[in-house]
């Protein structure tokens, strides 16, 4: 008689499932759970109740939607950049930023954030560090005189049928938010192809002619992705253009008065 067979109780289904997960992880599939969660999100995005829902765009503080956005951006950054150590959970900038999400029903399919800084504030923007500050590398913009901000953490669920439309709409709406918030300048850190896309969207779809890629700036490498070369996109907003035009007009009047 096999004593072990008699004394060991039969495993319940949920225990068996747990052991399967553990064995997969032990076998080197350290990203098994992330892949499983990603598959669940993709399945949800294709269900009948969500697939035919129109995409709604909104700035939100809804904790359930924000949790989905944080989790989705983690999955997408890991998948697209092969940065498996990237953590997408809420950080200190999420707490002070305007977060725009795209959703079908209650399912988040995309999102991004805008972090703004007043001219007299000194906290670092997400792309900055003690050794890399926008006010230092772009002194001609007079960022001590204009409110400004950074667009970051852009992510779209890649299995959504309308992902290109979602990307375009999110880009347009977050830039419009920069304008309505009275920013003088907005900045985006990205690789070169994405920087070119942002420039095209800003100029073609948002009417922002003064948008450039700052190729003269050496951007520090991202430790988790050292092979990627990063670029800063600079967007001059109407508030800065109007202020500059007003200063030129006042200067012209002052100069003219000196000679009359």
Protein backbone atom coordinates (compact mmCIF):
# COMPACT_ATOMS: atom_id res chain seq x y z
CA UNK A 1 0.00 0.00 0.00
CA UNK A 2 1.22 3.44 -0.85
CA UNK A 3 1.07 5.27 2.52
CA UNK A 4 1.67 8.66 0.97
CA UNK A 5 -1.27 8.21 -1.37
CA UNK A 6 -3.55 7.37 1.55
CA UNK A 7 -2.47 10.10 3.92
CA UNK A 8 -2.17 13.02 1.51
CA UNK A 9 -5.58 14.65 0.96
CA UNK A 10 -6.75 15.41 -2.55
CA UNK A 11 -5.93 18.95 -3.65
CA UNK A 12 -8.82 21.32 -4.13
CA UNK A 13 -9.05 23.09 -7.51
CA UNK A 14 -8.07 26.49 -6.11
CA UNK A 15 -5.03 24.97 -4.37
CA UNK A 16 -4.03 23.25 -7.61
CA UNK A 17 -4.30 26.56 -9.49
CA UNK A 18 -2.12 28.23 -6.88
CA UNK A 19 0.51 25.53 -7.25
CA UNK A 20 0.46 25.92 -11.03
CA UNK A 21 1.10 29.64 -10.69
CA UNK A 22 3.92 29.03 -8.24
CA UNK A 23 5.53 26.41 -10.44
CA UNK A 24 5.40 28.74 -13.44
CA UNK A 25 7.02 31.51 -11.46
CA UNK A 26 9.66 29.14 -10.14
CA UNK A 27 10.40 28.00 -13.69
CA UNK A 28 11.44 31.49 -14.66
CA UNK A 29 8.15 33.01 -15.86
CA UNK A 30 8.52 36.03 -13.59
CA UNK A 31 6.18 38.07 -15.75
CA UNK A 32 3.41 35.49 -15.79
CA UNK A 33 1.07 37.49 -13.59
CA UNK A 34 1.63 40.69 -15.55
CA UNK A 35 0.87 38.86 -18.80
CA UNK A 36 -2.21 37.28 -17.25
CA UNK A 37 -3.50 40.66 -16.09
CA UNK A 38 -2.80 42.13 -19.51
CA UNK A 39 -4.76 39.32 -21.15
CA UNK A 40 -7.70 40.00 -18.87
CA UNK A 41 -7.67 43.69 -19.82
CA UNK A 42 -7.54 42.79 -23.50
CA UNK A 43 -10.43 40.34 -23.12
CA UNK A 44 -12.47 42.99 -21.34
CA UNK A 45 -11.75 45.50 -24.10
CA UNK A 46 -13.24 43.12 -26.65
CA UNK A 47 -16.40 42.10 -24.79
CA UNK A 48 -19.71 43.02 -26.36
CA UNK A 49 -20.59 45.46 -23.62
CA UNK A 50 -17.43 47.49 -24.13
CA UNK A 51 -16.53 47.01 -27.79
CA UNK A 52 -19.53 48.99 -29.04
CA UNK A 53 -19.34 51.66 -26.36
CA UNK A 54 -18.20 55.07 -27.60
CA UNK A 55 -14.88 56.31 -26.25
CA UNK A 56 -15.33 59.00 -23.60
CA UNK A 57 -12.50 61.37 -22.69
CA UNK A 58 -12.37 63.08 -19.32
CA UNK A 59 -10.08 64.48 -16.66
CA UNK A 60 -10.85 62.39 -13.64
CA UNK A 61 -10.21 61.75 -9.96
CA UNK A 62 -12.19 58.50 -10.02
CA UNK A 63 -10.06 56.03 -8.07
CA UNK A 64 -11.25 52.97 -10.00
CA UNK A 65 -10.44 54.53 -13.37
CA UNK A 66 -7.11 55.87 -12.12
CA UNK A 67 -6.16 52.41 -10.84
CA UNK A 68 -6.88 50.97 -14.28
CA UNK A 69 -4.82 53.71 -15.93
CA UNK A 70 -1.83 53.14 -13.63
CA UNK A 71 -1.96 49.40 -14.24
CA UNK A 72 -2.42 49.77 -18.01
CA UNK A 73 0.53 52.15 -18.39
CA UNK A 74 2.73 49.74 -16.46
CA UNK A 75 1.79 46.87 -18.79
CA UNK A 76 2.23 48.98 -21.92
CA UNK A 77 5.57 50.52 -20.88
CA UNK A 78 6.93 47.09 -20.04
CA UNK A 79 5.66 45.65 -23.30
CA UNK A 80 6.66 48.46 -25.65
CA UNK A 81 10.00 49.40 -24.07
CA UNK A 82 10.97 45.98 -22.69
CA UNK A 83 11.55 47.68 -19.34
CA UNK A 84 10.31 44.95 -17.06
CA UNK A 85 11.31 46.82 -13.91
CA UNK A 86 9.07 49.78 -14.75
CA UNK A 87 6.51 50.46 -12.02
CA UNK A 88 3.34 52.26 -13.12
CA UNK A 89 1.67 52.65 -9.75
CA UNK A 90 0.60 56.07 -8.53
CA UNK A 91 3.54 58.40 -7.83
CA UNK A 92 3.90 61.85 -6.32
CA UNK A 93 3.30 63.55 -9.66
CA UNK A 94 0.00 61.75 -10.26
CA UNK A 95 -1.28 63.30 -7.06
CA UNK A 96 -0.70 66.86 -8.30
CA UNK A 97 -1.39 66.40 -12.03
CA UNK A 98 -4.39 66.66 -14.32
CA UNK A 99 -5.00 63.09 -15.49
CA UNK A 100 -6.86 62.59 -18.76
CA UNK A 101 -8.27 59.16 -19.49
CA UNK A 102 -10.08 57.54 -22.41
CA UNK A 103 -12.68 54.94 -21.46
CA UNK A 104 -15.24 52.62 -22.98
CA UNK A 105 -17.95 52.34 -20.40
CA UNK A 106 -15.93 51.83 -17.22
CA UNK A 107 -12.89 50.35 -18.97
CA UNK A 108 -9.85 52.63 -19.32
CA UNK A 109 -8.26 52.27 -22.78
CA UNK A 110 -5.80 55.16 -22.61
CA UNK A 111 -4.53 58.09 -20.64
CA UNK A 112 -1.86 60.71 -19.97
CA UNK A 113 -1.16 63.45 -17.45
CA UNK A 114 -0.27 67.13 -17.33
CA UNK A 115 1.87 68.42 -14.46
CA UNK A 116 1.86 72.21 -14.17
CA UNK A 117 4.21 74.53 -12.33
CA UNK A 118 3.80 78.19 -11.52
CA UNK A 119 6.55 80.61 -12.50
CA UNK A 120 7.60 81.04 -8.85
CA UNK A 121 7.47 77.36 -7.87
CA UNK A 122 10.66 75.32 -7.56
CA UNK A 123 9.61 71.66 -7.40
CA UNK A 124 11.01 69.45 -10.15
CA UNK A 125 8.86 68.36 -13.09
CA UNK A 126 8.82 64.61 -13.89
CA UNK A 127 11.59 64.84 -16.52
CA UNK A 128 13.81 66.98 -14.31
CA UNK A 129 16.49 66.13 -11.77
CA UNK A 130 18.80 68.22 -9.57
CA UNK A 131 21.30 68.16 -12.45
CA UNK A 132 18.83 68.70 -15.29
CA UNK A 133 16.37 71.56 -15.04
CA UNK A 134 14.39 73.14 -17.84
CA UNK A 135 15.04 76.65 -16.52
CA UNK A 136 18.77 76.00 -16.87
CA UNK A 137 18.80 74.35 -20.30
CA UNK A 138 16.22 76.73 -21.80
CA UNK A 139 17.05 80.10 -20.19
CA UNK A 140 15.70 82.07 -23.17
CA UNK A 141 12.11 80.98 -22.39
CA UNK A 142 11.96 82.97 -19.16
CA UNK A 143 10.22 80.17 -17.27
CA UNK A 144 10.40 82.34 -14.16
CA UNK A 145 7.78 84.54 -15.79
CA UNK A 146 5.40 81.97 -17.31
CA UNK A 147 3.38 79.10 -15.90
CA UNK A 148 4.49 75.94 -17.68
CA UNK A 149 4.05 72.19 -17.54
CA UNK A 150 5.01 68.72 -18.72
CA UNK A 151 2.92 66.10 -20.53
CA UNK A 152 3.92 62.58 -19.52
CA UNK A 153 2.91 58.96 -18.91
CA UNK A 154 1.10 58.64 -22.25
CA UNK A 155 -0.30 55.14 -22.79
CA UNK A 156 -2.98 53.52 -24.97
CA UNK A 157 -4.20 49.94 -24.83
CA UNK A 158 -2.63 48.44 -27.94
CA UNK A 159 -5.43 45.94 -28.59
CA UNK A 160 -8.15 48.56 -28.80
CA UNK A 161 -9.59 48.70 -32.32
CA UNK A 162 -9.53 52.51 -32.30
CA UNK A 163 -6.11 52.98 -30.69
CA UNK A 164 -4.88 55.46 -33.32
CA UNK A 165 -7.98 57.61 -32.91
CA UNK A 166 -7.59 57.39 -29.13
CA UNK A 167 -3.94 58.46 -29.34
CA UNK A 168 -4.81 61.44 -31.52
CA UNK A 169 -7.74 62.53 -29.36
CA UNK A 170 -5.75 62.26 -26.13
CA UNK A 171 -2.93 64.30 -27.68
CA UNK A 172 -5.27 67.04 -28.87
CA UNK A 173 -7.18 67.24 -25.59
CA UNK A 174 -4.11 67.38 -23.36
CA UNK A 175 -2.65 70.17 -25.51
CA UNK A 176 -5.98 72.01 -25.35
CA UNK A 177 -5.78 71.67 -21.57
CA UNK A 178 -2.38 73.37 -21.66
CA UNK A 179 -3.94 76.27 -23.56
CA UNK A 180 -7.01 76.58 -21.31
CA UNK A 181 -4.83 76.40 -18.19
CA UNK A 182 -2.97 79.49 -19.39
CA UNK A 183 0.41 77.81 -19.74
CA UNK A 184 3.11 79.74 -21.52
CA UNK A 185 5.03 76.61 -22.44
CA UNK A 186 4.59 72.85 -22.34
CA UNK A 187 7.25 70.16 -22.62
CA UNK A 188 7.31 66.49 -23.56
CA UNK A 189 10.13 63.99 -23.14
CA UNK A 190 10.10 61.18 -25.72
CA UNK A 191 12.13 59.31 -28.30
CA UNK A 192 12.60 60.93 -31.72
CA UNK A 193 9.71 59.21 -33.60
CA UNK A 194 7.27 60.20 -30.85
CA UNK A 195 8.66 63.74 -30.77
CA UNK A 196 7.98 64.05 -34.50
CA UNK A 197 4.44 62.73 -33.98
CA UNK A 198 3.81 65.28 -31.23
CA UNK A 199 5.09 68.08 -33.46
CA UNK A 200 2.81 67.00 -36.31
CA UNK A 201 -0.21 66.75 -34.02
CA UNK A 202 0.48 70.14 -32.44
CA UNK A 203 1.01 71.93 -35.73
CA UNK A 204 -1.57 70.13 -37.88
CA UNK A 205 -4.41 69.43 -35.45
CA UNK A 206 -3.98 72.07 -32.74
CA UNK A 207 -2.77 75.06 -34.74
CA UNK A 208 0.39 75.46 -32.67
CA UNK A 209 3.06 76.62 -35.10
CA UNK A 210 5.74 77.21 -32.48
CA UNK A 211 6.48 73.63 -31.54
CA UNK A 212 9.99 72.31 -31.91
CA UNK A 213 12.24 69.38 -31.00
CA UNK A 214 15.14 70.65 -28.90
CA UNK A 215 17.91 68.68 -30.60
CA UNK A 216 20.56 70.92 -29.04
CA UNK A 217 19.75 69.67 -25.53
CA UNK A 218 21.46 66.57 -24.19
CA UNK A 219 18.83 64.73 -22.16
CA UNK A 220 20.07 62.37 -19.42
CA UNK A 221 19.50 58.71 -20.17
CA UNK A 222 16.80 56.77 -18.38
CA UNK A 223 18.53 54.17 -16.16
CA UNK A 224 15.98 51.45 -16.94
CA UNK A 225 16.29 52.03 -20.68
CA UNK A 226 19.84 53.32 -21.37
CA UNK A 227 19.79 52.48 -25.09
CA UNK A 228 17.04 55.00 -25.88
CA UNK A 229 18.02 58.54 -26.87
CA UNK A 230 15.58 61.07 -25.45
CA UNK A 231 14.47 64.43 -26.79
CA UNK A 232 12.57 67.39 -25.36
CA UNK A 233 9.68 68.82 -27.34
CA UNK A 234 8.97 72.47 -26.60
CA UNK A 235 5.52 73.93 -27.24
CA UNK A 236 5.02 77.69 -27.14
CA UNK A 237 1.44 78.36 -26.06
CA UNK A 238 -0.75 81.34 -27.01
CA UNK A 239 -0.29 82.86 -23.54
CA UNK A 240 3.46 83.25 -24.15
CA UNK A 241 2.96 84.42 -27.72
CA UNK A 242 0.45 87.08 -26.66
CA UNK A 243 2.69 88.25 -23.85
CA UNK A 244 5.69 88.45 -26.17
CA UNK A 245 3.67 90.36 -28.77
CA UNK A 246 2.39 92.74 -26.08
CA UNK A 247 5.92 93.40 -24.81
CA UNK A 248 7.14 94.12 -28.35
CA UNK A 249 4.22 96.48 -28.92
CA UNK A 250 4.91 98.33 -25.66
CA UNK A 251 8.60 98.53 -26.51
CA UNK A 252 7.78 99.94 -29.94
CA UNK A 253 5.52 102.58 -28.37
CA UNK A 254 8.22 103.48 -25.83
CA UNK A 255 10.91 103.79 -28.50
CA UNK A 256 8.60 105.81 -30.71
CA UNK A 257 7.80 108.22 -27.87
CA UNK A 258 11.49 108.90 -27.35
CA UNK A 259 11.78 110.39 -30.80
CA UNK A 260 8.55 112.40 -30.86
